[in-house]
Structure formats: structure tokens, C-alpha cells
Amino acid sequence: MKMLECCHLKDMPPHVYSIARSAYESLRKNNQSQSVVLLGHSGSGKTTNVFHILEYFCFVTAMQQYRQKLCKFL
């Protein structure tokens, strides 16, 4: 938490969910395929981060579908 108190968000290293959000928003806005490249040594968490990105995409898609269904009832 100390690191967050003294730094601006733009000065912080990228977080996997902010990268996923940026890719998803660019996909929706530009209607073009997006890529996320994860680099690192063996055991650095690349596979885990892919799961986090996919989890984010699934969550956002499910929320949009829920909103669309809800709007039909209103």
C-alpha cells in the first residue's frame, strides 16, 4: 500500500487486469483483433496471467450479456 500512496497510476508497472481491460476496450472500440504478449522466464507466471486475462474477458462478457437481458425487461 505504501507504493500506491506515493506514486501516480501512470508511474506504476502495468497490472494484468489493466492490460486485459485495455485490450478488450480496444477490441470493442476499433473492432480489430488485439494481442497480449506475455514474456518471462520459466516459472514467472505467464500461464497464470493468461488465466487471469481469460477470466477477465469471461467476466466482462457475462456482465454485458446480463445488462442486455436486463434492458429487455425494462
N, C-alpha and C. Protein backbone atom coordinates (compact mmCIF):
# COMPACT_ATOMS: atom_id res chain seq x y z
N MET A 1 0.82 -1.19 0.00
CA MET A 1 0.00 0.00 0.00
C MET A 1 0.86 1.26 0.00
N LYS A 2 2.02 1.20 0.62
CA LYS A 2 2.91 2.37 0.64
C LYS A 2 3.28 2.79 -0.78
N MET A 3 3.49 1.80 -1.65
CA MET A 3 3.87 2.12 -3.01
C MET A 3 2.75 2.88 -3.72
N LEU A 4 1.50 2.57 -3.41
CA LEU A 4 0.38 3.24 -4.04
C LEU A 4 0.19 4.67 -3.54
N GLU A 5 0.60 4.94 -2.32
CA GLU A 5 0.41 6.26 -1.74
C GLU A 5 1.29 7.32 -2.40
N CYS A 6 2.49 6.95 -2.79
CA CYS A 6 3.43 7.95 -3.27
C CYS A 6 3.58 7.97 -4.79
N CYS A 7 2.85 7.14 -5.51
CA CYS A 7 3.02 7.06 -6.96
C CYS A 7 1.70 7.31 -7.67
N HIS A 8 1.81 7.86 -8.85
CA HIS A 8 0.65 8.01 -9.72
C HIS A 8 0.46 6.71 -10.49
N LEU A 9 -0.76 6.45 -10.91
CA LEU A 9 -1.05 5.21 -11.62
C LEU A 9 -0.19 5.07 -12.88
N LYS A 10 0.03 6.18 -13.58
CA LYS A 10 0.83 6.11 -14.81
C LYS A 10 2.29 5.75 -14.53
N ASP A 11 2.74 5.96 -13.29
CA ASP A 11 4.12 5.63 -12.93
C ASP A 11 4.27 4.19 -12.45
N MET A 12 3.16 3.49 -12.28
CA MET A 12 3.19 2.13 -11.76
C MET A 12 3.41 1.14 -12.91
N PRO A 13 4.00 -0.01 -12.62
CA PRO A 13 4.12 -1.03 -13.65
C PRO A 13 2.72 -1.55 -14.04
N PRO A 14 2.56 -2.02 -15.27
CA PRO A 14 1.23 -2.47 -15.71
C PRO A 14 0.76 -3.68 -14.90
N HIS A 15 -0.53 -3.75 -14.69
CA HIS A 15 -1.15 -4.86 -13.98
C HIS A 15 -1.90 -5.71 -15.00
N VAL A 16 -1.98 -7.00 -14.78
CA VAL A 16 -2.56 -7.91 -15.75
C VAL A 16 -4.01 -7.54 -16.07
N TYR A 17 -4.79 -7.09 -15.08
CA TYR A 17 -6.18 -6.75 -15.35
C TYR A 17 -6.30 -5.43 -16.12
N SER A 18 -5.40 -4.50 -15.90
CA SER A 18 -5.46 -3.26 -16.68
C SER A 18 -5.05 -3.52 -18.12
N ILE A 19 -4.12 -4.44 -18.34
CA ILE A 19 -3.74 -4.82 -19.70
C ILE A 19 -4.93 -5.51 -20.38
N ALA A 20 -5.58 -6.41 -19.68
CA ALA A 20 -6.75 -7.09 -20.24
C ALA A 20 -7.85 -6.10 -20.56
N ARG A 21 -8.09 -5.16 -19.67
CA ARG A 21 -9.13 -4.16 -19.90
C ARG A 21 -8.80 -3.30 -21.13
N SER A 22 -7.55 -2.91 -21.25
CA SER A 22 -7.13 -2.10 -22.39
C SER A 22 -7.32 -2.87 -23.70
N ALA A 23 -6.95 -4.13 -23.73
CA ALA A 23 -7.10 -4.95 -24.93
C ALA A 23 -8.58 -5.11 -25.28
N TYR A 24 -9.40 -5.36 -24.28
CA TYR A 24 -10.83 -5.56 -24.52
C TYR A 24 -11.49 -4.27 -25.02
N GLU A 25 -11.15 -3.14 -24.40
CA GLU A 25 -11.73 -1.87 -24.82
C GLU A 25 -11.28 -1.51 -26.24
N SER A 26 -10.03 -1.79 -26.57
CA SER A 26 -9.55 -1.54 -27.93
C SER A 26 -10.26 -2.44 -28.94
N LEU A 27 -10.52 -3.67 -28.55
CA LEU A 27 -11.26 -4.59 -29.41
C LEU A 27 -12.65 -4.06 -29.70
N ARG A 28 -13.33 -3.62 -28.67
CA ARG A 28 -14.70 -3.11 -28.83
C ARG A 28 -14.72 -1.78 -29.59
N LYS A 29 -13.78 -0.91 -29.28
CA LYS A 29 -13.77 0.43 -29.89
C LYS A 29 -13.36 0.38 -31.36
N ASN A 30 -12.31 -0.36 -31.67
CA ASN A 30 -11.74 -0.37 -33.01
C ASN A 30 -12.23 -1.52 -33.88
N ASN A 31 -12.90 -2.48 -33.27
CA ASN A 31 -13.40 -3.66 -33.98
C ASN A 31 -12.26 -4.37 -34.73
N GLN A 32 -11.12 -4.45 -34.06
CA GLN A 32 -9.95 -5.13 -34.61
C GLN A 32 -9.40 -6.09 -33.56
N SER A 33 -8.84 -7.20 -34.05
CA SER A 33 -8.24 -8.17 -33.14
C SER A 33 -7.13 -7.51 -32.32
N GLN A 34 -6.97 -7.97 -31.10
CA GLN A 34 -5.94 -7.46 -30.21
C GLN A 34 -5.07 -8.63 -29.75
N SER A 35 -3.85 -8.33 -29.39
CA SER A 35 -2.92 -9.35 -28.88
C SER A 35 -2.32 -8.88 -27.57
N VAL A 36 -2.09 -9.84 -26.70
CA VAL A 36 -1.37 -9.59 -25.46
C VAL A 36 -0.19 -10.56 -25.46
N VAL A 37 1.00 -10.02 -25.35
CA VAL A 37 2.20 -10.85 -25.35
C VAL A 37 2.76 -10.90 -23.93
N LEU A 38 2.89 -12.10 -23.41
CA LEU A 38 3.43 -12.30 -22.07
C LEU A 38 4.82 -12.91 -22.19
N LEU A 39 5.80 -12.21 -21.67
CA LEU A 39 7.17 -12.68 -21.74
C LEU A 39 7.71 -12.95 -20.35
N GLY A 40 8.63 -13.87 -20.24
CA GLY A 40 9.25 -14.13 -18.96
C GLY A 40 9.95 -15.47 -18.95
N HIS A 41 10.71 -15.65 -17.92
CA HIS A 41 11.44 -16.91 -17.74
C HIS A 41 10.48 -18.01 -17.31
N SER A 42 10.96 -19.22 -17.35
CA SER A 42 10.18 -20.36 -16.88
C SER A 42 9.79 -20.15 -15.42
N GLY A 43 8.52 -20.34 -15.13
CA GLY A 43 8.04 -20.18 -13.75
C GLY A 43 7.73 -18.76 -13.35
N SER A 44 7.71 -17.83 -14.32
CA SER A 44 7.47 -16.43 -13.97
C SER A 44 6.00 -16.05 -13.90
N GLY A 45 5.10 -16.97 -14.26
CA GLY A 45 3.67 -16.70 -14.12
C GLY A 45 2.95 -16.38 -15.41
N LYS A 46 3.54 -16.71 -16.54
CA LYS A 46 2.89 -16.42 -17.83
C LYS A 46 1.56 -17.15 -17.95
N THR A 47 1.54 -18.43 -17.67
CA THR A 47 0.31 -19.22 -17.78
C THR A 47 -0.74 -18.72 -16.81
N THR A 48 -0.34 -18.42 -15.60
CA THR A 48 -1.28 -17.89 -14.61
C THR A 48 -1.88 -16.58 -15.08
N ASN A 49 -1.07 -15.72 -15.66
CA ASN A 49 -1.58 -14.44 -16.14
C ASN A 49 -2.51 -14.61 -17.34
N VAL A 50 -2.26 -15.61 -18.19
CA VAL A 50 -3.20 -15.91 -19.27
C VAL A 50 -4.55 -16.29 -18.68
N PHE A 51 -4.56 -17.10 -17.62
CA PHE A 51 -5.81 -17.47 -16.97
C PHE A 51 -6.52 -16.24 -16.40
N HIS A 52 -5.77 -15.31 -15.82
CA HIS A 52 -6.37 -14.09 -15.29
C HIS A 52 -6.98 -13.25 -16.41
N ILE A 53 -6.29 -13.15 -17.53
CA ILE A 53 -6.81 -12.38 -18.66
C ILE A 53 -8.09 -13.02 -19.20
N LEU A 54 -8.08 -14.34 -19.37
CA LEU A 54 -9.28 -15.03 -19.84
C LEU A 54 -10.43 -14.90 -18.85
N GLU A 55 -10.11 -14.96 -17.57
CA GLU A 55 -11.12 -14.78 -16.53
C GLU A 55 -11.75 -13.39 -16.65
N TYR A 56 -10.93 -12.38 -16.88
CA TYR A 56 -11.44 -11.01 -17.04
C TYR A 56 -12.35 -10.92 -18.26
N PHE A 57 -11.92 -11.49 -19.39
CA PHE A 57 -12.74 -11.45 -20.60
C PHE A 57 -14.08 -12.14 -20.37
N CYS A 58 -14.06 -13.29 -19.73
CA CYS A 58 -15.31 -14.01 -19.44
C CYS A 58 -16.22 -13.19 -18.54
N PHE A 59 -15.66 -12.57 -17.52
CA PHE A 59 -16.45 -11.76 -16.60
C PHE A 59 -17.10 -10.58 -17.31
N VAL A 60 -16.31 -9.86 -18.10
CA VAL A 60 -16.82 -8.68 -18.79
C VAL A 60 -17.91 -9.07 -19.79
N THR A 61 -17.68 -10.15 -20.52
CA THR A 61 -18.67 -10.61 -21.49
C THR A 61 -19.96 -11.02 -20.80
N ALA A 62 -19.85 -11.74 -19.70
CA ALA A 62 -21.03 -12.16 -18.95
C ALA A 62 -21.80 -10.95 -18.42
N MET A 63 -21.09 -9.94 -17.94
CA MET A 63 -21.76 -8.73 -17.44
C MET A 63 -22.49 -8.00 -18.56
N GLN A 64 -21.91 -7.95 -19.73
CA GLN A 64 -22.57 -7.29 -20.86
C GLN A 64 -23.82 -8.06 -21.27
N GLN A 65 -23.75 -9.37 -21.30
CA GLN A 65 -24.92 -10.17 -21.63
C GLN A 65 -26.01 -10.00 -20.59
N TYR A 66 -25.62 -9.92 -19.32
CA TYR A 66 -26.59 -9.70 -18.25
C TYR A 66 -27.27 -8.34 -18.41
N ARG A 67 -26.49 -7.31 -18.73
CA ARG A 67 -27.06 -5.97 -18.92
C ARG A 67 -28.03 -5.95 -20.10
N GLN A 68 -27.68 -6.64 -21.19
CA GLN A 68 -28.56 -6.68 -22.35
C GLN A 68 -29.88 -7.36 -22.01
N LYS A 69 -29.82 -8.46 -21.27
CA LYS A 69 -31.05 -9.15 -20.86
C LYS A 69 -31.87 -8.28 -19.92
N LEU A 70 -31.20 -7.59 -19.03
CA LEU A 70 -31.90 -6.72 -18.08
C LEU A 70 -32.59 -5.58 -18.81
N CYS A 71 -31.97 -5.02 -19.82
CA CYS A 71 -32.57 -3.91 -20.57
C CYS A 71 -33.80 -4.35 -21.34
N LYS A 72 -33.85 -5.60 -21.74
CA LYS A 72 -35.03 -6.11 -22.44
C LYS A 72 -36.26 -6.12 -21.53
N PHE A 73 -36.04 -6.32 -20.23
CA PHE A 73 -37.14 -6.40 -19.29
C PHE A 73 -37.60 -5.03 -18.81
N LEU A 74 -36.76 -4.02 -19.00
CA LEU A 74 -37.12 -2.68 -18.51
C LEU A 74 -37.91 -1.89 -19.48
